[in-house]
Each structure stands twice: as C-alpha cells, then as structure tokens.
Amino acid sequence: MIPKQILDPLAMWRDAVDRLEGGVNSFTTSNMESEQFSQALAIVLRASLGTHHLFDKNMARLYERMGLPSRSEVQAIAASLRRIEDKLDMLLPQPAPAHRPARTRRAPAVAAEPVPKRLPPAAAPADTAGATLPKAARAAVPAGARAPKRKG
C-alpha cells in the first residue's frame, strides 16, 4: 500500500516564492544591463536629490523666519562648547585621588549601639496610648485619642 502524500501548504508557499524570486532576479539582471534602465535610474536619482535639496532649502527659510536654529547650527554650537569645556578642563588642576581605607577581609567595626527590638511601655506611640499607659496617665489622654476597647 502506498502512503498518501499530505499537502504541505508551507512547502507550496516556499516553492511559489522561490519561483517568483527567480523570475524577478532574471528580469532585473537582463534589464539592468540595458542603456534605458541606467538612464531611467539616473533621472529618478536626480529627481530625488533635487526634491531633497528643495526641502532642505525651504526648511532653512522656515527656521530663519521663526528665529529657530537649524540642526547644523545647533551641532556647530555643541562642538564649540565641547572645545571650550576641554580648554577649561586643561586649565583646572587635577583633583587629588580619594583616600580609600586599606582593603582587609574583615568588615569595618560598627560603633553604634544595638537597636532595641521592642519599645518600653513608657515610650509607646500615642495611637496605642489607652492600652499601654498606666491608669494615672490614661486619665490625662483625651477620650477620642484612646484606642477602642475590644469585646470578648
């Protein structure tokens, strides 16, 4: 029994593209050798360069009327600023190298006191004043500032 061939649409697409590319390549290589093609290409390139020149000229006029600098003028200013900054850097004294501590394998000793994990009851924040203050101090706290009492 002969197995049926499954149609592969991607293979068919690749074949079609390969044939199309081959035809286009052979057509262009034969036409590029002709004198007419080179003349047509020269005309298109001249037209493209001419429109580019006119566009640049009109943009320069527009920038001049609006009082804005063109890209070339901004680049020239940036280049002159770089030259001025380089000359100023040459006039300034070189900064002294930063003092670095000796490299050791030990971490530097910390002289700070350890931070307590819990605050003592007298230093409790005001929002929990009703729960942590002694009775005499609770009386001085206004009723609205006390934490609500829990049931249960």
C-alpha atoms as a PDB file:
ATOM      1  CA  MET A   1       0.000   0.000   0.000  1.00  0.00           C
ATOM      2  CA  ILE A   2       1.365   3.472  -0.935  1.00  0.00           C
ATOM      3  CA  PRO A   3       1.006   6.148   1.788  1.00  0.00           C
ATOM      4  CA  LYS A   4      -0.854   9.239   0.673  1.00  0.00           C
ATOM      5  CA  GLN A   5       1.194  12.380   0.423  1.00  0.00           C
ATOM      6  CA  ILE A   6      -0.080  15.098   2.726  1.00  0.00           C
ATOM      7  CA  LEU A   7      -0.176  18.503   1.087  1.00  0.00           C
ATOM      8  CA  ASP A   8       2.168  20.849   2.873  1.00  0.00           C
ATOM      9  CA  PRO A   9       0.957  24.456   2.367  1.00  0.00           C
ATOM     10  CA  LEU A  10       4.255  25.889   3.653  1.00  0.00           C
ATOM     11  CA  ALA A  11       6.262  23.860   1.125  1.00  0.00           C
ATOM     12  CA  MET A  12       3.947  25.029  -1.654  1.00  0.00           C
ATOM     13  CA  TRP A  13       4.392  28.648  -0.484  1.00  0.00           C
ATOM     14  CA  ARG A  14       8.205  28.294  -0.424  1.00  0.00           C
ATOM     15  CA  ASP A  15       8.190  26.889  -3.960  1.00  0.00           C
ATOM     16  CA  ALA A  16       5.997  29.753  -5.195  1.00  0.00           C
ATOM     17  CA  VAL A  17       8.229  32.382  -3.553  1.00  0.00           C
ATOM     18  CA  ASP A  18      11.381  30.736  -4.950  1.00  0.00           C
ATOM     19  CA  ARG A  19       9.927  30.745  -8.475  1.00  0.00           C
ATOM     20  CA  LEU A  20       8.824  34.365  -8.136  1.00  0.00           C
ATOM     21  CA  GLU A  21      12.246  35.455  -6.853  1.00  0.00           C
ATOM     22  CA  GLY A  22      13.986  33.605  -9.660  1.00  0.00           C
ATOM     23  CA  GLY A  23      11.791  35.304 -12.261  1.00  0.00           C
ATOM     24  CA  VAL A  24      12.267  38.758 -10.758  1.00  0.00           C
ATOM     25  CA  ASN A  25      16.041  38.276 -10.483  1.00  0.00           C
ATOM     26  CA  SER A  26      16.397  37.147 -14.105  1.00  0.00           C
ATOM     27  CA  PHE A  27      14.185  40.031 -15.313  1.00  0.00           C
ATOM     28  CA  THR A  28      16.122  42.682 -13.360  1.00  0.00           C
ATOM     29  CA  THR A  29      19.562  41.391 -14.325  1.00  0.00           C
ATOM     30  CA  SER A  30      18.620  41.417 -18.007  1.00  0.00           C
ATOM     31  CA  ASN A  31      17.112  44.926 -17.753  1.00  0.00           C
ATOM     32  CA  MET A  32      19.922  46.408 -15.645  1.00  0.00           C
ATOM     33  CA  GLU A  33      22.354  45.767 -18.467  1.00  0.00           C
ATOM     34  CA  SER A  34      20.345  47.937 -20.861  1.00  0.00           C
ATOM     35  CA  GLU A  35      21.056  51.604 -21.508  1.00  0.00           C
ATOM     36  CA  GLN A  36      17.411  52.609 -20.982  1.00  0.00           C
ATOM     37  CA  PHE A  37      17.428  51.296 -17.420  1.00  0.00           C
ATOM     38  CA  SER A  38      20.540  53.239 -16.473  1.00  0.00           C
ATOM     39  CA  GLN A  39      19.050  56.439 -17.968  1.00  0.00           C
ATOM     40  CA  ALA A  40      15.772  55.942 -16.097  1.00  0.00           C
ATOM     41  CA  LEU A  41      17.659  55.288 -12.854  1.00  0.00           C
ATOM     42  CA  ALA A  42      19.720  58.455 -13.356  1.00  0.00           C
ATOM     43  CA  ILE A  43      16.535  60.509 -13.865  1.00  0.00           C
ATOM     44  CA  VAL A  44      14.957  59.095 -10.705  1.00  0.00           C
ATOM     45  CA  LEU A  45      18.103  59.769  -8.653  1.00  0.00           C
ATOM     46  CA  ARG A  46      18.360  63.359  -9.944  1.00  0.00           C
ATOM     47  CA  ALA A  47      14.700  63.995  -9.102  1.00  0.00           C
ATOM     48  CA  SER A  48      15.180  62.542  -5.621  1.00  0.00           C
ATOM     49  CA  LEU A  49      18.250  64.673  -4.923  1.00  0.00           C
ATOM     50  CA  GLY A  50      16.502  67.766  -6.293  1.00  0.00           C
ATOM     51  CA  THR A  51      13.477  67.344  -4.022  1.00  0.00           C
ATOM     52  CA  HIS A  52      15.771  66.723  -1.063  1.00  0.00           C
ATOM     53  CA  HIS A  53      17.683  69.943  -1.823  1.00  0.00           C
ATOM     54  CA  LEU A  54      14.450  71.953  -2.172  1.00  0.00           C
ATOM     55  CA  PHE A  55      13.108  70.544   1.083  1.00  0.00           C
ATOM     56  CA  ASP A  56      16.305  71.481   2.962  1.00  0.00           C
ATOM     57  CA  LYS A  57      16.253  74.971   1.426  1.00  0.00           C
ATOM     58  CA  ASN A  58      12.615  75.572   2.406  1.00  0.00           C
ATOM     59  CA  MET A  59      13.206  74.272   5.939  1.00  0.00           C
ATOM     60  CA  ALA A  60      16.173  76.639   6.332  1.00  0.00           C
ATOM     61  CA  ARG A  61      13.949  79.571   5.272  1.00  0.00           C
ATOM     62  CA  LEU A  62      11.246  78.466   7.697  1.00  0.00           C
ATOM     63  CA  TYR A  63      13.725  78.225  10.597  1.00  0.00           C
ATOM     64  CA  GLU A  64      15.088  81.662   9.702  1.00  0.00           C
ATOM     65  CA  ARG A  65      11.613  83.228   9.700  1.00  0.00           C
ATOM     66  CA  MET A  66      10.711  81.592  13.018  1.00  0.00           C
ATOM     67  CA  GLY A  67      14.012  82.550  14.594  1.00  0.00           C
ATOM     68  CA  LEU A  68      14.981  78.932  15.333  1.00  0.00           C
ATOM     69  CA  PRO A  69      18.424  77.419  14.784  1.00  0.00           C
ATOM     70  CA  SER A  70      18.814  74.637  12.263  1.00  0.00           C
ATOM     71  CA  ARG A  71      20.291  71.251  13.121  1.00  0.00           C
ATOM     72  CA  SER A  72      23.670  72.153  11.613  1.00  0.00           C
ATOM     73  CA  GLU A  73      23.802  75.381  13.648  1.00  0.00           C
ATOM     74  CA  VAL A  74      22.985  73.506  16.868  1.00  0.00           C
ATOM     75  CA  GLN A  75      25.670  70.918  16.082  1.00  0.00           C
ATOM     76  CA  ALA A  76      28.219  73.690  15.434  1.00  0.00           C
ATOM     77  CA  ILE A  77      27.349  75.324  18.788  1.00  0.00           C
ATOM     78  CA  ALA A  78      27.663  71.966  20.573  1.00  0.00           C
ATOM     79  CA  ALA A  79      31.078  71.353  19.001  1.00  0.00           C
ATOM     80  CA  SER A  80      32.350  74.785  20.030  1.00  0.00           C
ATOM     81  CA  LEU A  81      31.038  74.253  23.590  1.00  0.00           C
ATOM     82  CA  ARG A  82      32.899  70.938  23.752  1.00  0.00           C
ATOM     83  CA  ARG A  83      36.110  72.667  22.664  1.00  0.00           C
ATOM     84  CA  ILE A  84      35.633  75.403  25.310  1.00  0.00           C
ATOM     85  CA  GLU A  85      34.954  72.814  28.029  1.00  0.00           C
ATOM     86  CA  ASP A  86      38.067  70.868  27.030  1.00  0.00           C
ATOM     87  CA  LYS A  87      40.181  74.027  27.278  1.00  0.00           C
ATOM     88  CA  LEU A  88      38.691  74.844  30.696  1.00  0.00           C
ATOM     89  CA  ASP A  89      39.402  71.315  31.890  1.00  0.00           C
ATOM     90  CA  MET A  90      43.032  71.759  30.854  1.00  0.00           C
ATOM     91  CA  LEU A  91      43.254  74.976  32.941  1.00  0.00           C
ATOM     92  CA  LEU A  92      41.789  73.449  36.115  1.00  0.00           C
ATOM     93  CA  PRO A  93      44.069  71.500  38.472  1.00  0.00           C
ATOM     94  CA  GLN A  94      43.631  67.751  38.542  1.00  0.00           C
ATOM     95  CA  PRO A  95      41.593  66.526  41.556  1.00  0.00           C
ATOM     96  CA  ALA A  96      43.504  64.677  44.258  1.00  0.00           C
ATOM     97  CA  PRO A  97      42.838  60.945  44.388  1.00  0.00           C
ATOM     98  CA  ALA A  98      40.285  59.975  47.029  1.00  0.00           C
ATOM     99  CA  HIS A  99      41.660  58.392  50.192  1.00  0.00           C
ATOM    100  CA  ARG A 100      40.491  54.823  50.468  1.00  0.00           C
ATOM    101  CA  PRO A 101      40.789  52.663  53.562  1.00  0.00           C
ATOM    102  CA  ALA A 102      43.071  49.654  53.441  1.00  0.00           C
ATOM    103  CA  ARG A 103      41.467  46.565  51.977  1.00  0.00           C
ATOM    104  CA  THR A 104      41.011  43.832  54.532  1.00  0.00           C
ATOM    105  CA  ARG A 105      38.907  40.724  54.729  1.00  0.00           C
ATOM    106  CA  ARG A 106      37.177  41.925  57.905  1.00  0.00           C
ATOM    107  CA  ALA A 107      34.160  44.182  57.816  1.00  0.00           C
ATOM    108  CA  PRO A 108      34.623  47.557  59.491  1.00  0.00           C
ATOM    109  CA  ALA A 109      33.700  47.576  63.199  1.00  0.00           C
ATOM    110  CA  VAL A 110      30.353  49.195  63.946  1.00  0.00           C
ATOM    111  CA  ALA A 111      30.475  51.547  66.946  1.00  0.00           C
ATOM    112  CA  ALA A 112      26.720  52.122  67.143  1.00  0.00           C
ATOM    113  CA  GLU A 113      24.627  50.648  69.967  1.00  0.00           C
ATOM    114  CA  PRO A 114      22.278  47.812  69.087  1.00  0.00           C
ATOM    115  CA  VAL A 115      18.722  48.915  68.342  1.00  0.00           C
ATOM    116  CA  PRO A 116      16.141  47.574  70.865  1.00  0.00           C
ATOM    117  CA  LYS A 117      13.657  45.161  69.354  1.00  0.00           C
ATOM    118  CA  ARG A 118      10.655  46.468  71.351  1.00  0.00           C
ATOM    119  CA  LEU A 119       9.990  49.854  72.810  1.00  0.00           C
ATOM    120  CA  PRO A 120       9.446  50.054  76.562  1.00  0.00           C
ATOM    121  CA  PRO A 121       5.818  50.726  77.622  1.00  0.00           C
ATOM    122  CA  ALA A 122       6.544  54.356  78.576  1.00  0.00           C
ATOM    123  CA  ALA A 123       7.827  55.131  75.062  1.00  0.00           C
ATOM    124  CA  ALA A 124       4.824  53.620  73.238  1.00  0.00           C
ATOM    125  CA  PRO A 125       3.323  55.658  70.386  1.00  0.00           C
ATOM    126  CA  ALA A 126       0.267  57.854  71.008  1.00  0.00           C
ATOM    127  CA  ASP A 127      -2.178  55.756  68.929  1.00  0.00           C
ATOM    128  CA  THR A 128      -1.920  52.859  71.406  1.00  0.00           C
ATOM    129  CA  ALA A 129      -1.875  55.101  74.475  1.00  0.00           C
ATOM    130  CA  GLY A 130      -5.038  53.638  76.010  1.00  0.00           C
ATOM    131  CA  ALA A 131      -3.643  50.121  76.066  1.00  0.00           C
ATOM    132  CA  THR A 132      -0.077  50.676  77.312  1.00  0.00           C
ATOM    133  CA  LEU A 133      -0.164  53.703  79.643  1.00  0.00           C
ATOM    134  CA  PRO A 134      -0.658  53.350  83.402  1.00  0.00           C
ATOM    135  CA  LYS A 135      -4.035  54.350  84.910  1.00  0.00           C
ATOM    136  CA  ALA A 136      -2.876  57.804  86.037  1.00  0.00           C
ATOM    137  CA  ALA A 137      -1.526  58.602  82.561  1.00  0.00           C
ATOM    138  CA  ARG A 138      -4.644  57.193  80.844  1.00  0.00           C
ATOM    139  CA  ALA A 139      -6.812  59.725  82.591  1.00  0.00           C
ATOM    140  CA  ALA A 140      -4.783  62.567  81.019  1.00  0.00           C
ATOM    141  CA  VAL A 141      -5.293  61.205  77.476  1.00  0.00           C
ATOM    142  CA  PRO A 142      -8.487  62.581  75.839  1.00  0.00           C
ATOM    143  CA  ALA A 143     -11.187  60.023  75.159  1.00  0.00           C
ATOM    144  CA  GLY A 144     -11.001  60.460  71.391  1.00  0.00           C
ATOM    145  CA  ALA A 145      -7.288  59.586  71.331  1.00  0.00           C
ATOM    146  CA  ARG A 146      -7.698  56.257  73.118  1.00  0.00           C
ATOM    147  CA  ALA A 147      -7.802  53.021  71.210  1.00  0.00           C
ATOM    148  CA  PRO A 148     -11.287  51.430  71.165  1.00  0.00           C
ATOM    149  CA  LYS A 149     -11.845  48.675  73.675  1.00  0.00           C
ATOM    150  CA  ARG A 150     -12.330  45.186  72.306  1.00  0.00           C
ATOM    151  CA  LYS A 151     -15.179  42.952  73.313  1.00  0.00           C
ATOM    152  CA  GLY A 152     -14.588  39.373  74.153  1.00  0.00           C
END
